[in-house]
PDB file of all heavy atoms in Angstrom:
ATOM      1  N   PRO A   1     -14.325   2.625  -0.417  1.00  0.00           N
ATOM      2  CA  PRO A   1     -13.526   2.604   0.811  1.00  0.00           C
ATOM      3  C   PRO A   1     -13.346   1.193   1.385  1.00  0.00           C
ATOM      4  O   PRO A   1     -12.271   0.858   1.869  1.00  0.00           O
ATOM      5  CB  PRO A   1     -14.317   3.486   1.774  1.00  0.00           C
ATOM      6  CG  PRO A   1     -15.157   4.357   0.913  1.00  0.00           C
ATOM      7  CD  PRO A   1     -15.438   3.567  -0.326  1.00  0.00           C
ATOM      8  N   GLU A   2     -14.390   0.354   1.305  1.00  0.00           N
ATOM      9  CA  GLU A   2     -14.283  -1.005   1.844  1.00  0.00           C
ATOM     10  C   GLU A   2     -13.251  -1.812   1.061  1.00  0.00           C
ATOM     11  O   GLU A   2     -12.489  -2.581   1.632  1.00  0.00           O
ATOM     12  CB  GLU A   2     -15.624  -1.751   1.793  1.00  0.00           C
ATOM     13  CG  GLU A   2     -16.810  -1.022   2.358  1.00  0.00           C
ATOM     14  CD  GLU A   2     -17.472  -0.085   1.349  1.00  0.00           C
ATOM     15  OE1 GLU A   2     -17.615  -0.417   0.165  1.00  0.00           O
ATOM     16  OE2 GLU A   2     -17.837   1.017   1.768  1.00  0.00           O
ATOM     17  N   LEU A   3     -13.234  -1.632  -0.255  1.00  0.00           N
ATOM     18  CA  LEU A   3     -12.285  -2.348  -1.102  1.00  0.00           C
ATOM     19  C   LEU A   3     -10.862  -1.870  -0.831  1.00  0.00           C
ATOM     20  O   LEU A   3      -9.937  -2.678  -0.732  1.00  0.00           O
ATOM     21  CB  LEU A   3     -12.641  -2.155  -2.578  1.00  0.00           C
ATOM     22  CG  LEU A   3     -11.760  -2.868  -3.592  1.00  0.00           C
ATOM     23  CD1 LEU A   3     -11.766  -4.372  -3.354  1.00  0.00           C
ATOM     24  CD2 LEU A   3     -12.211  -2.549  -5.004  1.00  0.00           C
ATOM     25  N   LEU A   4     -10.691  -0.569  -0.674  1.00  0.00           N
ATOM     26  CA  LEU A   4      -9.364  -0.028  -0.371  1.00  0.00           C
ATOM     27  C   LEU A   4      -8.863  -0.535   0.976  1.00  0.00           C
ATOM     28  O   LEU A   4      -7.682  -0.874   1.122  1.00  0.00           O
ATOM     29  CB  LEU A   4      -9.388   1.497  -0.394  1.00  0.00           C
ATOM     30  CG  LEU A   4      -9.654   2.144  -1.754  1.00  0.00           C
ATOM     31  CD1 LEU A   4      -9.721   3.656  -1.614  1.00  0.00           C
ATOM     32  CD2 LEU A   4      -8.632   1.729  -2.782  1.00  0.00           C
ATOM     33  N   ALA A   5      -9.744  -0.613   1.955  1.00  0.00           N
ATOM     34  CA  ALA A   5      -9.367  -1.126   3.275  1.00  0.00           C
ATOM     35  C   ALA A   5      -8.962  -2.592   3.181  1.00  0.00           C
ATOM     36  O   ALA A   5      -7.993  -3.021   3.814  1.00  0.00           O
ATOM     37  CB  ALA A   5     -10.514  -0.941   4.263  1.00  0.00           C
ATOM     38  N   LEU A   6      -9.693  -3.369   2.384  1.00  0.00           N
ATOM     39  CA  LEU A   6      -9.365  -4.780   2.200  1.00  0.00           C
ATOM     40  C   LEU A   6      -8.006  -4.942   1.531  1.00  0.00           C
ATOM     41  O   LEU A   6      -7.176  -5.732   1.976  1.00  0.00           O
ATOM     42  CB  LEU A   6     -10.454  -5.465   1.363  1.00  0.00           C
ATOM     43  CG  LEU A   6     -10.217  -6.943   1.046  1.00  0.00           C
ATOM     44  CD1 LEU A   6     -10.202  -7.776   2.319  1.00  0.00           C
ATOM     45  CD2 LEU A   6     -11.285  -7.440   0.089  1.00  0.00           C
ATOM     46  N   ILE A   7      -7.758  -4.169   0.482  1.00  0.00           N
ATOM     47  CA  ILE A   7      -6.470  -4.230  -0.204  1.00  0.00           C
ATOM     48  C   ILE A   7      -5.347  -3.859   0.766  1.00  0.00           C
ATOM     49  O   ILE A   7      -4.317  -4.535   0.829  1.00  0.00           O
ATOM     50  CB  ILE A   7      -6.463  -3.288  -1.432  1.00  0.00           C
ATOM     51  CG1 ILE A   7      -7.419  -3.812  -2.502  1.00  0.00           C
ATOM     52  CG2 ILE A   7      -5.050  -3.144  -1.993  1.00  0.00           C
ATOM     53  CD1 ILE A   7      -7.687  -2.833  -3.629  1.00  0.00           C
ATOM     54  N   LYS A   8      -5.563  -2.799   1.535  1.00  0.00           N
ATOM     55  CA  LYS A   8      -4.570  -2.344   2.513  1.00  0.00           C
ATOM     56  C   LYS A   8      -4.208  -3.457   3.493  1.00  0.00           C
ATOM     57  O   LYS A   8      -3.038  -3.718   3.755  1.00  0.00           O
ATOM     58  CB  LYS A   8      -5.126  -1.127   3.247  1.00  0.00           C
ATOM     59  CG  LYS A   8      -4.202  -0.499   4.230  1.00  0.00           C
ATOM     60  CD  LYS A   8      -4.861   0.729   4.837  1.00  0.00           C
ATOM     61  CE  LYS A   8      -4.314   1.010   6.193  1.00  0.00           C
ATOM     62  NZ  LYS A   8      -4.987   2.086   6.879  1.00  0.00           N
ATOM     63  N   ASP A   9      -5.220  -4.144   4.011  1.00  0.00           N
ATOM     64  CA  ASP A   9      -4.987  -5.228   4.968  1.00  0.00           C
ATOM     65  C   ASP A   9      -4.314  -6.431   4.314  1.00  0.00           C
ATOM     66  O   ASP A   9      -3.403  -7.027   4.875  1.00  0.00           O
ATOM     67  CB  ASP A   9      -6.299  -5.678   5.610  1.00  0.00           C
ATOM     68  CG  ASP A   9      -6.834  -4.661   6.603  1.00  0.00           C
ATOM     69  OD1 ASP A   9      -6.062  -3.782   7.039  1.00  0.00           O
ATOM     70  OD2 ASP A   9      -8.031  -4.741   6.933  1.00  0.00           O
ATOM     71  N   GLU A  10      -4.769  -6.785   3.129  1.00  0.00           N
ATOM     72  CA  GLU A  10      -4.271  -7.996   2.469  1.00  0.00           C
ATOM     73  C   GLU A  10      -2.820  -7.884   2.019  1.00  0.00           C
ATOM     74  O   GLU A  10      -2.086  -8.857   2.064  1.00  0.00           O
ATOM     75  CB  GLU A  10      -5.158  -8.381   1.282  1.00  0.00           C
ATOM     76  CG  GLU A  10      -6.523  -8.903   1.685  1.00  0.00           C
ATOM     77  CD  GLU A  10      -6.460 -10.179   2.512  1.00  0.00           C
ATOM     78  OE1 GLU A  10      -5.651 -11.076   2.176  1.00  0.00           O
ATOM     79  OE2 GLU A  10      -7.208 -10.267   3.500  1.00  0.00           O
ATOM     80  N   VAL A  11      -2.420  -6.707   1.575  1.00  0.00           N
ATOM     81  CA  VAL A  11      -1.037  -6.560   1.105  1.00  0.00           C
ATOM     82  C   VAL A  11      -0.141  -5.905   2.150  1.00  0.00           C
ATOM     83  O   VAL A  11       1.026  -5.647   1.901  1.00  0.00           O
ATOM     84  CB  VAL A  11      -0.944  -5.805  -0.242  1.00  0.00           C
ATOM     85  CG1 VAL A  11      -1.610  -6.574  -1.346  1.00  0.00           C
ATOM     86  CG2 VAL A  11      -1.493  -4.411  -0.143  1.00  0.00           C
ATOM     87  N   ASN A  12      -0.705  -5.665   3.350  1.00  0.00           N
ATOM     88  CA  ASN A  12       0.048  -5.158   4.492  1.00  0.00           C
ATOM     89  C   ASN A  12       0.760  -3.847   4.170  1.00  0.00           C
ATOM     90  O   ASN A  12       1.973  -3.738   4.264  1.00  0.00           O
ATOM     91  CB  ASN A  12       1.038  -6.213   4.991  1.00  0.00           C
ATOM     92  CG  ASN A  12       1.584  -5.860   6.355  1.00  0.00           C
ATOM     93  OD1 ASN A  12       0.968  -5.125   7.114  1.00  0.00           O
ATOM     94  ND2 ASN A  12       2.759  -6.383   6.674  1.00  0.00           N
ATOM     95  N   VAL A  13      -0.021  -2.861   3.748  1.00  0.00           N
ATOM     96  CA  VAL A  13       0.508  -1.534   3.472  1.00  0.00           C
ATOM     97  C   VAL A  13      -0.243  -0.513   4.302  1.00  0.00           C
ATOM     98  O   VAL A  13      -1.331  -0.776   4.798  1.00  0.00           O
ATOM     99  CB  VAL A  13       0.401  -1.164   1.966  1.00  0.00           C
ATOM    100  CG1 VAL A  13       1.268  -2.074   1.119  1.00  0.00           C
ATOM    101  CG2 VAL A  13      -1.031  -1.179   1.491  1.00  0.00           C
ATOM    102  N   LYS A  14       0.349   0.662   4.441  1.00  0.00           N
ATOM    103  CA  LYS A  14      -0.287   1.712   5.225  1.00  0.00           C
ATOM    104  C   LYS A  14      -1.303   2.506   4.414  1.00  0.00           C
ATOM    105  O   LYS A  14      -2.305   2.943   4.938  1.00  0.00           O
ATOM    106  CB  LYS A  14       0.775   2.668   5.759  1.00  0.00           C
ATOM    107  CG  LYS A  14       1.604   2.066   6.859  1.00  0.00           C
ATOM    108  CD  LYS A  14       2.529   3.131   7.414  1.00  0.00           C
ATOM    109  CE  LYS A  14       3.126   2.652   8.688  1.00  0.00           C
ATOM    110  NZ  LYS A  14       2.525   3.184   9.867  1.00  0.00           N
ATOM    111  N   VAL A  15      -1.011   2.732   3.122  1.00  0.00           N
ATOM    112  CA  VAL A  15      -1.852   3.594   2.295  1.00  0.00           C
ATOM    113  C   VAL A  15      -2.073   2.949   0.934  1.00  0.00           C
ATOM    114  O   VAL A  15      -1.149   2.388   0.353  1.00  0.00           O
ATOM    115  CB  VAL A  15      -1.182   4.972   2.087  1.00  0.00           C
ATOM    116  CG1 VAL A  15      -2.011   5.846   1.170  1.00  0.00           C
ATOM    117  CG2 VAL A  15      -0.944   5.675   3.413  1.00  0.00           C
ATOM    118  N   VAL A  16      -3.288   3.029   0.433  1.00  0.00           N
ATOM    119  CA  VAL A  16      -3.614   2.621  -0.929  1.00  0.00           C
ATOM    120  C   VAL A  16      -4.071   3.878  -1.660  1.00  0.00           C
ATOM    121  O   VAL A  16      -5.030   4.524  -1.246  1.00  0.00           O
ATOM    122  CB  VAL A  16      -4.733   1.552  -0.967  1.00  0.00           C
ATOM    123  CG1 VAL A  16      -5.118   1.235  -2.405  1.00  0.00           C
ATOM    124  CG2 VAL A  16      -4.311   0.299  -0.226  1.00  0.00           C
ATOM    125  N   GLU A  17      -3.339   4.235  -2.711  1.00  0.00           N
ATOM    126  CA  GLU A  17      -3.706   5.410  -3.497  1.00  0.00           C
ATOM    127  C   GLU A  17      -4.250   4.940  -4.833  1.00  0.00           C
ATOM    128  O   GLU A  17      -3.704   4.047  -5.460  1.00  0.00           O
ATOM    129  CB  GLU A  17      -2.481   6.299  -3.725  1.00  0.00           C
ATOM    130  CG  GLU A  17      -1.954   6.918  -2.457  1.00  0.00           C
ATOM    131  CD  GLU A  17      -0.711   7.760  -2.679  1.00  0.00           C
ATOM    132  OE1 GLU A  17      -0.191   7.793  -3.815  1.00  0.00           O
ATOM    133  OE2 GLU A  17      -0.258   8.379  -1.714  1.00  0.00           O
ATOM    134  N   VAL A  18      -5.320   5.575  -5.267  1.00  0.00           N
ATOM    135  CA  VAL A  18      -5.950   5.211  -6.528  1.00  0.00           C
ATOM    136  C   VAL A  18      -5.852   6.398  -7.472  1.00  0.00           C
ATOM    137  O   VAL A  18      -6.251   7.505  -7.125  1.00  0.00           O
ATOM    138  CB  VAL A  18      -7.430   4.829  -6.319  1.00  0.00           C
ATOM    139  CG1 VAL A  18      -8.098   4.530  -7.652  1.00  0.00           C
ATOM    140  CG2 VAL A  18      -7.540   3.649  -5.374  1.00  0.00           C
ATOM    141  N   ASP A  19      -5.300   6.147  -8.656  1.00  0.00           N
ATOM    142  CA  ASP A  19      -5.255   7.163  -9.698  1.00  0.00           C
ATOM    143  C   ASP A  19      -6.330   6.797 -10.702  1.00  0.00           C
ATOM    144  O   ASP A  19      -6.196   5.836 -11.455  1.00  0.00           O
ATOM    145  CB  ASP A  19      -3.876   7.194 -10.350  1.00  0.00           C
ATOM    146  CG  ASP A  19      -3.722   8.335 -11.334  1.00  0.00           C
ATOM    147  OD1 ASP A  19      -4.760   8.889 -11.774  1.00  0.00           O
ATOM    148  OD2 ASP A  19      -2.575   8.682 -11.672  1.00  0.00           O
ATOM    149  N   GLU A  20      -7.406   7.551 -10.707  1.00  0.00           N
ATOM    150  CA  GLU A  20      -8.564   7.239 -11.549  1.00  0.00           C
ATOM    151  C   GLU A  20      -8.243   7.309 -13.037  1.00  0.00           C
ATOM    152  O   GLU A  20      -8.963   6.775 -13.862  1.00  0.00           O
ATOM    153  CB  GLU A  20      -9.727   8.188 -11.224  1.00  0.00           C
ATOM    154  CG  GLU A  20     -10.235   8.092  -9.805  1.00  0.00           C
ATOM    155  CD  GLU A  20     -10.947   6.799  -9.476  1.00  0.00           C
ATOM    156  OE1 GLU A  20     -11.435   6.125 -10.393  1.00  0.00           O
ATOM    157  OE2 GLU A  20     -11.005   6.461  -8.282  1.00  0.00           O
ATOM    158  N   LYS A  21      -7.140   7.982 -13.392  1.00  0.00           N
ATOM    159  CA  LYS A  21      -6.779   8.133 -14.802  1.00  0.00           C
ATOM    160  C   LYS A  21      -6.055   6.910 -15.351  1.00  0.00           C
ATOM    161  O   LYS A  21      -5.971   6.727 -16.547  1.00  0.00           O
ATOM    162  CB  LYS A  21      -5.873   9.353 -14.988  1.00  0.00           C
ATOM    163  CG  LYS A  21      -6.511  10.648 -14.559  1.00  0.00           C
ATOM    164  CD  LYS A  21      -5.501  11.763 -14.630  1.00  0.00           C
ATOM    165  CE  LYS A  21      -5.897  12.843 -13.642  1.00  0.00           C
ATOM    166  NZ  LYS A  21      -4.798  13.656 -13.227  1.00  0.00           N
ATOM    167  N   ILE A  22      -5.516   6.117 -14.464  1.00  0.00           N
ATOM    168  CA  ILE A  22      -4.727   4.954 -14.891  1.00  0.00           C
ATOM    169  C   ILE A  22      -5.579   3.700 -14.762  1.00  0.00           C
ATOM    170  O   ILE A  22      -6.156   3.425 -13.711  1.00  0.00           O
ATOM    171  CB  ILE A  22      -3.451   4.816 -14.041  1.00  0.00           C
ATOM    172  CG1 ILE A  22      -2.571   6.044 -14.228  1.00  0.00           C
ATOM    173  CG2 ILE A  22      -2.704   3.560 -14.409  1.00  0.00           C
ATOM    174  CD1 ILE A  22      -1.351   6.053 -13.356  1.00  0.00           C
ATOM    175  N   ALA A  23      -5.622   2.929 -15.821  1.00  0.00           N
ATOM    176  CA  ALA A  23      -6.344   1.653 -15.792  1.00  0.00           C
ATOM    177  C   ALA A  23      -5.407   0.587 -15.239  1.00  0.00           C
ATOM    178  O   ALA A  23      -4.200   0.754 -15.249  1.00  0.00           O
ATOM    179  CB  ALA A  23      -6.801   1.283 -17.197  1.00  0.00           C
ATOM    180  N   PRO A  24      -5.971  -0.535 -14.773  1.00  0.00           N
ATOM    181  CA  PRO A  24      -5.105  -1.612 -14.291  1.00  0.00           C
ATOM    182  C   PRO A  24      -4.063  -1.954 -15.337  1.00  0.00           C
ATOM    183  O   PRO A  24      -4.239  -1.653 -16.483  1.00  0.00           O
ATOM    184  CB  PRO A  24      -6.084  -2.764 -14.068  1.00  0.00           C
ATOM    185  CG  PRO A  24      -7.394  -2.089 -13.858  1.00  0.00           C
ATOM    186  CD  PRO A  24      -7.355  -0.830 -14.682  1.00  0.00           C
ATOM    187  N   PRO A  25      -2.952  -2.517 -15.052  1.00  0.00           N
ATOM    188  CA  PRO A  25      -2.656  -3.280 -13.853  1.00  0.00           C
ATOM    189  C   PRO A  25      -2.309  -2.411 -12.636  1.00  0.00           C
ATOM    190  O   PRO A  25      -1.922  -1.270 -12.776  1.00  0.00           O
ATOM    191  CB  PRO A  25      -1.458  -4.126 -14.253  1.00  0.00           C
ATOM    192  CG  PRO A  25      -0.752  -3.319 -15.265  1.00  0.00           C
ATOM    193  CD  PRO A  25      -1.839  -2.571 -16.001  1.00  0.00           C
ATOM    194  N   VAL A  26      -2.397  -3.028 -11.485  1.00  0.00           N
ATOM    195  CA  VAL A  26      -2.092  -2.358 -10.227  1.00  0.00           C
ATOM    196  C   VAL A  26      -0.586  -2.394 -10.013  1.00  0.00           C
ATOM    197  O   VAL A  26       0.059  -3.391 -10.272  1.00  0.00           O
ATOM    198  CB  VAL A  26      -2.803  -3.069  -9.053  1.00  0.00           C
ATOM    199  CG1 VAL A  26      -2.354  -2.512  -7.723  1.00  0.00           C
ATOM    200  CG2 VAL A  26      -4.293  -2.970  -9.225  1.00  0.00           C
ATOM    201  N   GLU A  27      -0.058  -1.290  -9.527  1.00  0.00           N
ATOM    202  CA  GLU A  27       1.356  -1.225  -9.193  1.00  0.00           C
ATOM    203  C   GLU A  27       1.499  -1.094  -7.691  1.00  0.00           C
ATOM    204  O   GLU A  27       0.778  -0.339  -7.063  1.00  0.00           O
ATOM    205  CB  GLU A  27       2.006  -0.008  -9.846  1.00  0.00           C
ATOM    206  CG  GLU A  27       2.517  -0.255 -11.225  1.00  0.00           C
ATOM    207  CD  GLU A  27       3.289   0.948 -11.743  1.00  0.00           C
ATOM    208  OE1 GLU A  27       4.135   1.493 -11.010  1.00  0.00           O
ATOM    209  OE2 GLU A  27       3.006   1.322 -12.879  1.00  0.00           O
ATOM    210  N   LEU A  28       2.443  -1.822  -7.134  1.00  0.00           N
ATOM    211  CA  LEU A  28       2.724  -1.727  -5.708  1.00  0.00           C
ATOM    212  C   LEU A  28       4.095  -1.100  -5.524  1.00  0.00           C
ATOM    213  O   LEU A  28       5.058  -1.521  -6.157  1.00  0.00           O
ATOM    214  CB  LEU A  28       2.717  -3.110  -5.051  1.00  0.00           C
ATOM    215  CG  LEU A  28       1.406  -3.860  -5.050  1.00  0.00           C
ATOM    216  CD1 LEU A  28       1.596  -5.240  -4.423  1.00  0.00           C
ATOM    217  CD2 LEU A  28       0.343  -3.089  -4.295  1.00  0.00           C
ATOM    218  N   ASP A  29       4.166  -0.096  -4.676  1.00  0.00           N
ATOM    219  CA  ASP A  29       5.444   0.497  -4.322  1.00  0.00           C
ATOM    220  C   ASP A  29       5.946  -0.264  -3.111  1.00  0.00           C
ATOM    221  O   ASP A  29       5.393  -0.147  -2.022  1.00  0.00           O
ATOM    222  CB  ASP A  29       5.271   1.985  -4.003  1.00  0.00           C
ATOM    223  CG  ASP A  29       6.582   2.654  -3.622  1.00  0.00           C
ATOM    224  OD1 ASP A  29       7.630   1.970  -3.574  1.00  0.00           O
ATOM    225  OD2 ASP A  29       6.562   3.865  -3.364  1.00  0.00           O
ATOM    226  N   THR A  30       6.973  -1.059  -3.297  1.00  0.00           N
ATOM    227  CA  THR A  30       7.469  -1.916  -2.214  1.00  0.00           C
ATOM    228  C   THR A  30       8.728  -1.350  -1.561  1.00  0.00           C
ATOM    229  O   THR A  30       9.478  -2.080  -0.925  1.00  0.00           O
ATOM    230  CB  THR A  30       7.760  -3.328  -2.751  1.00  0.00           C
ATOM    231  OG1 THR A  30       8.723  -3.223  -3.811  1.00  0.00           O
ATOM    232  CG2 THR A  30       6.495  -4.001  -3.252  1.00  0.00           C
ATOM    233  N   THR A  31       8.921  -0.057  -1.700  1.00  0.00           N
ATOM    234  CA  THR A  31      10.082   0.592  -1.108  1.00  0.00           C
ATOM    235  C   THR A  31       9.981   0.540   0.416  1.00  0.00           C
ATOM    236  O   THR A  31       8.964   0.933   0.996  1.00  0.00           O
ATOM    237  CB  THR A  31      10.174   2.063  -1.556  1.00  0.00           C
ATOM    238  OG1 THR A  31      10.181   2.112  -2.976  1.00  0.00           O
ATOM    239  CG2 THR A  31      11.417   2.727  -1.002  1.00  0.00           C
ATOM    240  N   ILE A  32      11.028   0.042   1.037  1.00  0.00           N
ATOM    241  CA  ILE A  32      11.087   0.013   2.501  1.00  0.00           C
ATOM    242  C   ILE A  32      11.862   1.251   2.940  1.00  0.00           C
ATOM    243  O   ILE A  32      13.074   1.325   2.777  1.00  0.00           O
ATOM    244  CB  ILE A  32      11.786  -1.262   3.024  1.00  0.00           C
ATOM    245  CG1 ILE A  32      11.112  -2.521   2.505  1.00  0.00           C
ATOM    246  CG2 ILE A  32      11.858  -1.250   4.544  1.00  0.00           C
ATOM    247  CD1 ILE A  32       9.707  -2.740   3.001  1.00  0.00           C
ATOM    248  N   THR A  33      11.142   2.205   3.494  1.00  0.00           N
ATOM    249  CA  THR A  33      11.784   3.418   3.989  1.00  0.00           C
ATOM    250  C   THR A  33      12.404   3.135   5.354  1.00  0.00           C
ATOM    251  O   THR A  33      12.050   2.142   6.016  1.00  0.00           O
ATOM    252  CB  THR A  33      10.752   4.553   4.128  1.00  0.00           C
ATOM    253  OG1 THR A  33       9.795   4.166   5.130  1.00  0.00           O
ATOM    254  CG2 THR A  33      10.059   4.849   2.814  1.00  0.00           C
ATOM    255  N   PRO A  34      13.315   3.974   5.809  1.00  0.00           N
ATOM    256  CA  PRO A  34      13.877   3.777   7.153  1.00  0.00           C
ATOM    257  C   PRO A  34      12.793   3.739   8.232  1.00  0.00           C
ATOM    258  O   PRO A  34      12.883   2.969   9.187  1.00  0.00           O
ATOM    259  CB  PRO A  34      14.807   4.987   7.334  1.00  0.00           C
ATOM    260  CG  PRO A  34      15.206   5.358   5.945  1.00  0.00           C
ATOM    261  CD  PRO A  34      13.991   5.067   5.097  1.00  0.00           C
ATOM    262  N   GLU A  35      11.747   4.545   8.052  1.00  0.00           N
ATOM    263  CA  GLU A  35      10.664   4.567   9.032  1.00  0.00           C
ATOM    264  C   GLU A  35       9.905   3.236   9.047  1.00  0.00           C
ATOM    265  O   GLU A  35       9.559   2.718  10.111  1.00  0.00           O
ATOM    266  CB  GLU A  35       9.684   5.710   8.737  1.00  0.00           C
ATOM    267  CG  GLU A  35      10.268   7.092   8.921  1.00  0.00           C
ATOM    268  CD  GLU A  35      11.078   7.583   7.712  1.00  0.00           C
ATOM    269  OE1 GLU A  35      11.009   6.954   6.617  1.00  0.00           O
ATOM    270  OE2 GLU A  35      11.792   8.582   7.869  1.00  0.00           O
ATOM    271  N   LEU A  36       9.631   2.689   7.854  1.00  0.00           N
ATOM    272  CA  LEU A  36       8.939   1.396   7.782  1.00  0.00           C
ATOM    273  C   LEU A  36       9.799   0.286   8.362  1.00  0.00           C
ATOM    274  O   LEU A  36       9.302  -0.606   9.044  1.00  0.00           O
ATOM    275  CB  LEU A  36       8.557   1.070   6.340  1.00  0.00           C
ATOM    276  CG  LEU A  36       7.414   1.890   5.749  1.00  0.00           C
ATOM    277  CD1 LEU A  36       7.238   1.555   4.273  1.00  0.00           C
ATOM    278  CD2 LEU A  36       6.129   1.656   6.511  1.00  0.00           C
ATOM    279  N   LYS A  37      11.103   0.332   8.113  1.00  0.00           N
ATOM    280  CA  LYS A  37      12.014  -0.680   8.674  1.00  0.00           C
ATOM    281  C   LYS A  37      11.989  -0.608  10.196  1.00  0.00           C
ATOM    282  O   LYS A  37      11.911  -1.633  10.867  1.00  0.00           O
ATOM    283  CB  LYS A  37      13.435  -0.451   8.162  1.00  0.00           C
ATOM    284  CG  LYS A  37      14.471  -1.283   8.884  1.00  0.00           C
ATOM    285  CD  LYS A  37      15.260  -2.131   7.969  1.00  0.00           C
ATOM    286  CE  LYS A  37      16.339  -2.947   8.625  1.00  0.00           C
ATOM    287  NZ  LYS A  37      16.020  -3.688   9.791  1.00  0.00           N
ATOM    288  N   GLU A  38      12.025   0.617  10.727  1.00  0.00           N
ATOM    289  CA  GLU A  38      11.996   0.777  12.182  1.00  0.00           C
ATOM    290  C   GLU A  38      10.688   0.246  12.766  1.00  0.00           C
ATOM    291  O   GLU A  38      10.691  -0.432  13.799  1.00  0.00           O
ATOM    292  CB  GLU A  38      12.188   2.247  12.551  1.00  0.00           C
ATOM    293  CG  GLU A  38      12.322   2.465  14.045  1.00  0.00           C
ATOM    294  CD  GLU A  38      12.640   3.904  14.389  1.00  0.00           C
ATOM    295  OE1 GLU A  38      11.907   4.811  13.943  1.00  0.00           O
ATOM    296  OE2 GLU A  38      13.620   4.112  15.118  1.00  0.00           O
ATOM    297  N   GLU A  39       9.566   0.513  12.098  1.00  0.00           N
ATOM    298  CA  GLU A  39       8.278  -0.003  12.568  1.00  0.00           C
ATOM    299  C   GLU A  39       8.248  -1.530  12.521  1.00  0.00           C
ATOM    300  O   GLU A  39       7.717  -2.176  13.426  1.00  0.00           O
ATOM    301  CB  GLU A  39       7.138   0.565  11.733  1.00  0.00           C
ATOM    302  CG  GLU A  39       6.825   2.000  12.048  1.00  0.00           C
ATOM    303  CD  GLU A  39       5.664   2.530  11.221  1.00  0.00           C
ATOM    304  OE1 GLU A  39       4.754   1.740  10.898  1.00  0.00           O
ATOM    305  OE2 GLU A  39       5.675   3.737  10.912  1.00  0.00           O
ATOM    306  N   GLY A  40       8.801  -2.109  11.468  1.00  0.00           N
ATOM    307  CA  GLY A  40       8.863  -3.570  11.366  1.00  0.00           C
ATOM    308  C   GLY A  40       9.732  -4.168  12.456  1.00  0.00           C
ATOM    309  O   GLY A  40       9.382  -5.181  13.066  1.00  0.00           O
ATOM    310  N   ASP A  41      10.882  -3.530  12.711  1.00  0.00           N
ATOM    311  CA  ASP A  41      11.767  -3.991  13.788  1.00  0.00           C
ATOM    312  C   ASP A  41      11.065  -3.893  15.139  1.00  0.00           C
ATOM    313  O   ASP A  41      11.198  -4.776  15.995  1.00  0.00           O
ATOM    314  CB  ASP A  41      13.057  -3.173  13.811  1.00  0.00           C
ATOM    315  CG  ASP A  41      13.941  -3.409  12.589  1.00  0.00           C
ATOM    316  OD1 ASP A  41      13.713  -4.403  11.859  1.00  0.00           O
ATOM    317  OD2 ASP A  41      14.860  -2.592  12.367  1.00  0.00           O
ATOM    318  N   LEU A  42      10.303  -2.821  15.333  1.00  0.00           N
ATOM    319  CA  LEU A  42       9.553  -2.637  16.573  1.00  0.00           C
ATOM    320  C   LEU A  42       8.531  -3.755  16.758  1.00  0.00           C
ATOM    321  O   LEU A  42       8.446  -4.358  17.829  1.00  0.00           O
ATOM    322  CB  LEU A  42       8.853  -1.277  16.567  1.00  0.00           C
ATOM    323  CG  LEU A  42       7.889  -1.000  17.713  1.00  0.00           C
ATOM    324  CD1 LEU A  42       8.634  -0.916  19.033  1.00  0.00           C
ATOM    325  CD2 LEU A  42       7.104   0.279  17.448  1.00  0.00           C
TER     326      LEU A  42
END
């Protein structure tokens, strides 16, 4: 949990999901949804 919280803060995302079946590399979903855009504008 501490590592996930650190990753969340460092890459400025709301959620970090871990799929235990997939080995690295890490993938980031950088999709800006309308809700995220509105929060950023706010």
